[in-house]
Protein backbone atom coordinates (compact mmCIF):
# COMPACT_ATOMS: atom_id res chain seq x y z
CA MET A 1 171.04 150.50 116.47
CA ASN A 2 171.62 151.34 112.81
CA ARG A 3 175.15 151.38 111.44
CA PRO A 4 177.15 154.56 110.85
CA LEU A 5 176.81 156.02 107.36
CA VAL A 6 179.50 157.46 105.09
CA ILE A 7 178.24 159.63 102.22
CA SER A 8 181.04 160.29 99.75
CA ASP A 9 181.38 162.32 96.60
CA CYS A 10 183.09 160.61 93.65
CA ASP A 11 184.96 163.05 91.36
CA GLU A 12 188.24 164.23 92.95
CA VAL A 13 187.44 162.19 96.08
CA LEU A 14 187.43 158.65 94.70
CA LEU A 15 188.25 159.17 91.01
CA HIS A 16 190.23 161.81 89.16
CA MET A 17 188.04 163.87 86.86
CA VAL A 18 189.42 167.31 86.03
CA ALA A 19 192.79 166.02 84.81
CA HIS A 20 191.11 163.53 82.49
CA PHE A 21 188.64 166.19 81.34
CA ARG A 22 191.55 168.53 80.54
CA ASP A 23 193.33 165.83 78.53
CA TRP A 24 190.19 164.95 76.58
CA LEU A 25 189.50 168.60 75.74
CA GLY A 26 193.06 168.97 74.47
CA GLU A 27 192.81 165.88 72.29
CA GLU A 28 189.28 166.14 70.90
CA THR A 29 188.18 169.79 70.97
CA GLN A 30 189.38 173.31 70.32
CA VAL A 31 189.27 174.14 74.03
CA ASP A 32 192.21 174.48 76.41
CA PHE A 33 191.74 173.87 80.12
CA ARG A 34 194.30 175.47 82.44
CA MET A 35 194.06 174.31 86.05
CA ASP A 36 195.40 177.47 87.64
CA GLY A 37 192.19 178.16 89.52
CA ALA A 38 188.96 176.56 90.70
CA ASP A 39 186.66 178.50 88.34
CA PHE A 40 185.61 176.56 85.25
CA GLY A 41 184.32 179.82 83.80
CA THR A 42 187.87 181.12 83.35
CA ALA A 43 189.77 177.81 83.12
CA MET A 44 188.16 176.75 79.84
CA ARG A 45 189.13 178.93 76.87
CA TRP A 46 188.85 178.66 73.11
CA ARG A 47 192.26 177.76 71.73
CA ASP A 48 192.17 180.18 68.80
CA SER A 49 190.93 183.30 70.57
CA GLY A 50 191.78 182.71 74.21
CA GLU A 51 188.25 183.79 75.13
CA PRO A 52 186.50 181.98 78.01
CA LEU A 53 183.65 179.68 77.11
CA GLU A 54 180.06 180.65 77.79
CA GLN A 55 178.25 178.67 80.46
CA LYS A 56 176.20 176.73 77.91
CA ASP A 57 179.37 175.51 76.19
CA ILE A 58 180.97 174.49 79.50
CA TRP A 59 177.93 172.36 80.34
CA ARG A 60 177.87 170.94 76.81
CA TYR A 61 181.46 169.70 77.06
CA LEU A 62 180.98 168.38 80.58
CA GLY A 63 177.95 166.46 79.34
CA GLN A 64 179.94 165.01 76.44
CA PHE A 65 182.71 163.95 78.80
CA PHE A 66 180.37 162.05 81.10
CA ASP A 67 178.48 160.61 78.11
CA THR A 68 181.58 159.16 76.47
CA GLN A 69 184.71 159.37 78.63
CA MET A 70 183.94 157.98 82.10
CA ASP A 71 186.15 154.97 81.38
CA ARG A 72 189.14 157.35 81.38
CA GLN A 73 188.71 158.18 85.05
CA LEU A 74 191.31 156.55 87.29
CA PRO A 75 191.22 156.25 91.09
CA ILE A 76 192.72 158.75 93.52
CA ILE A 77 195.67 157.14 95.32
CA GLY A 78 194.39 155.16 98.30
CA ALA A 79 190.74 155.97 97.63
CA ILE A 80 189.47 152.52 96.66
CA ASP A 81 191.11 150.73 99.58
CA GLY A 82 190.06 153.59 101.84
CA ILE A 83 186.38 153.61 100.97
CA ASN A 84 186.21 149.81 101.09
CA THR A 85 187.84 149.83 104.54
CA LEU A 86 185.17 152.28 105.68
CA ALA A 87 182.52 149.94 104.24
CA GLU A 88 183.63 147.27 106.72
CA LYS A 89 182.60 149.58 109.57
CA ALA A 90 179.73 151.59 108.07
CA ASP A 91 177.22 151.77 105.27
CA VAL A 92 178.72 153.67 102.33
CA VAL A 93 176.79 155.53 99.64
CA ILE A 94 177.90 157.87 96.88
CA LEU A 95 176.33 161.31 96.36
CA THR A 96 177.49 162.66 93.01
CA ASN A 97 176.49 165.78 91.10
CA LEU A 98 175.56 164.17 87.81
CA THR A 99 172.31 164.13 85.89
CA ASP A 100 170.06 161.20 86.66
CA GLU A 101 170.70 159.46 83.34
CA HIS A 102 174.34 158.98 84.40
CA GLN A 103 173.44 157.21 87.66
CA LEU A 104 173.77 153.67 86.29
CA HIS A 105 176.99 154.58 84.47
CA ARG A 106 178.47 155.81 87.75
CA VAL A 107 177.42 152.60 89.53
CA GLU A 108 179.07 150.51 86.80
CA GLN A 109 182.15 152.74 86.69
CA LEU A 110 182.76 152.43 90.42
CA ALA A 111 182.10 148.69 90.37
CA LYS A 112 184.84 148.26 87.75
CA HIS A 113 187.24 149.88 90.22
CA GLY A 114 186.06 147.63 93.06
CA VAL A 115 183.58 149.92 94.81
CA ASN A 116 180.07 148.50 95.15
CA ALA A 117 177.87 151.19 96.64
CA LYS A 118 174.48 152.76 96.14
CA VAL A 119 174.76 155.93 94.04
CA TYR A 120 172.55 159.00 94.44
CA THR A 121 172.67 161.62 91.70
CA ASN A 122 172.11 165.28 92.51
CA GLN A 123 172.12 168.69 90.86
CA GLY A 124 172.99 171.81 92.81
CA PRO A 125 173.75 172.14 96.55
CA LYS A 126 173.98 168.81 98.36
CA GLY A 127 172.45 169.72 101.73
CA PRO A 128 168.86 168.78 100.82
CA ALA A 129 170.01 165.48 99.25
CA LEU A 130 172.01 164.68 102.38
CA GLN A 131 168.96 165.37 104.50
CA ARG A 132 166.90 162.89 102.45
CA ILE A 133 169.61 160.21 102.67
CA LEU A 134 169.87 160.62 106.45
CA ALA A 135 166.10 160.29 106.75
CA GLU A 136 166.27 157.08 104.71
CA TYR A 137 169.10 155.42 106.67
CA GLU A 138 168.64 156.90 110.17
CA PRO A 139 172.32 156.14 110.93
CA SER A 140 173.92 156.09 114.36
CA ARG A 141 176.30 158.76 113.03
CA ALA A 142 176.95 160.21 109.58
CA ILE A 143 180.05 161.42 107.74
CA PHE A 144 180.09 163.44 104.51
CA ILE A 145 183.16 163.62 102.22
CA ASP A 146 183.34 166.10 99.34
CA ASP A 147 185.93 168.13 97.44
CA LEU A 148 183.94 171.35 96.99
CA PRO A 149 183.48 173.90 99.78
CA GLN A 150 180.00 174.96 98.67
CA HIS A 151 178.65 171.49 99.36
CA HIS A 152 180.07 171.54 102.87
CA GLN A 153 178.46 174.91 103.43
CA SER A 154 175.15 173.51 102.18
CA ALA A 155 175.53 170.47 104.46
CA ARG A 156 176.27 172.61 107.50
CA GLU A 157 173.44 175.05 106.81
CA THR A 158 170.94 172.23 106.22
CA LEU A 159 171.98 169.75 108.89
CA ALA A 160 173.85 171.84 111.49
CA ALA A 161 175.62 169.42 113.84
CA ASP A 162 173.87 166.27 112.60
CA ILE A 163 176.74 165.28 110.30
CA THR A 164 180.56 165.19 110.39
CA THR A 165 182.16 166.64 107.28
CA LEU A 166 185.57 166.08 105.72
CA HIS A 167 186.82 168.36 102.95
CA LEU A 168 189.00 166.16 100.71
CA CYS A 169 190.27 167.06 97.23
CA GLY A 170 192.53 164.32 95.93
CA GLU A 171 193.52 166.07 92.68
CA PRO A 172 196.91 167.74 93.39
CA ALA A 173 196.55 170.14 90.47
CA LEU A 174 193.23 171.40 91.79
CA ALA A 175 193.48 171.18 95.58
CA PRO A 176 195.64 174.31 96.09
CA HIS A 177 193.06 176.46 94.29
CA ILE A 178 189.98 175.33 96.23
CA ASP A 179 188.86 177.40 99.21
CA CYS A 180 189.10 175.46 102.46
CA ALA A 181 185.72 174.55 103.95
CA HIS A 182 187.39 173.81 107.29
CA GLN A 183 188.83 177.32 107.52
CA ALA A 184 185.40 178.71 106.61
CA GLY A 185 183.84 176.76 109.49
CA HIS A 186 181.79 174.43 107.29
CA ALA A 187 183.89 171.23 107.56
CA ASP A 188 185.30 169.44 110.57
CA ALA A 189 188.65 168.89 108.80
CA ARG A 190 190.48 169.38 105.52
CA ILE A 191 192.63 166.40 104.47
CA ASP A 192 193.58 165.93 100.83
CA ASP A 193 195.14 162.45 100.90
CA TRP A 194 193.55 159.13 101.81
CA ALA A 195 196.53 157.85 103.80
CA THR A 196 195.90 160.61 106.34
CA ALA A 197 192.13 160.80 105.90
CA LEU A 198 191.38 157.14 106.55
CA PRO A 199 192.52 157.03 110.21
CA TRP A 200 190.64 160.28 110.87
CA LEU A 201 187.49 158.85 109.29
CA LEU A 202 187.74 155.57 111.19
CA ASP A 203 188.04 157.51 114.45
CA ARG A 204 184.89 159.48 113.58
CA ILE A 205 183.01 156.26 112.72
CA GLU A 206 183.96 154.83 116.08
CA GLY A 207 182.85 158.00 117.83
CA LYS A 208 186.26 159.05 119.06
CA PRO A 209 186.60 162.76 119.83
CA SER A 210 188.56 165.06 117.52
């Protein structure tokens, strides 16, 4: 029988991103980022005018951040030990919404923090990518961890009951503003810290009931 499989997001699950992105914008650009909501479209504003950025400018700055600033990203508390503990019991892969040219950078970035895992890049909803990964591994059971509710919805709509999903946002400044995928019926649980999440995940890997 094949091993269980854990498919984890990276940003705000394993590594902080938004806080470092905010700091970089403040230091190097004329853009302020206020984390008082989950909508980048209103969180990023031109410093002089207070006007929100257009979508093309948001993507431009995000691209610059991942091109030049990935070394700034520090681990979520407990995430590295947590994901490596899971790797003792299951195969672990990373499914991250980055462009394909950043795939190797993400592999190297995670390795520097002590996580050695295969990285899949993706753009858009993650359900179809999850379906392809499950077809590749044919695991005995599968668990998906992500910080954004829309990806849990995509997973549930694509895979129905074929995957266990944990909604985890480890960025304290962002977590309160993100809609709960568990409350929406798209995730099996919402846990925002690894100290609590790890026992829950280990139980799921071992097939223990909720």
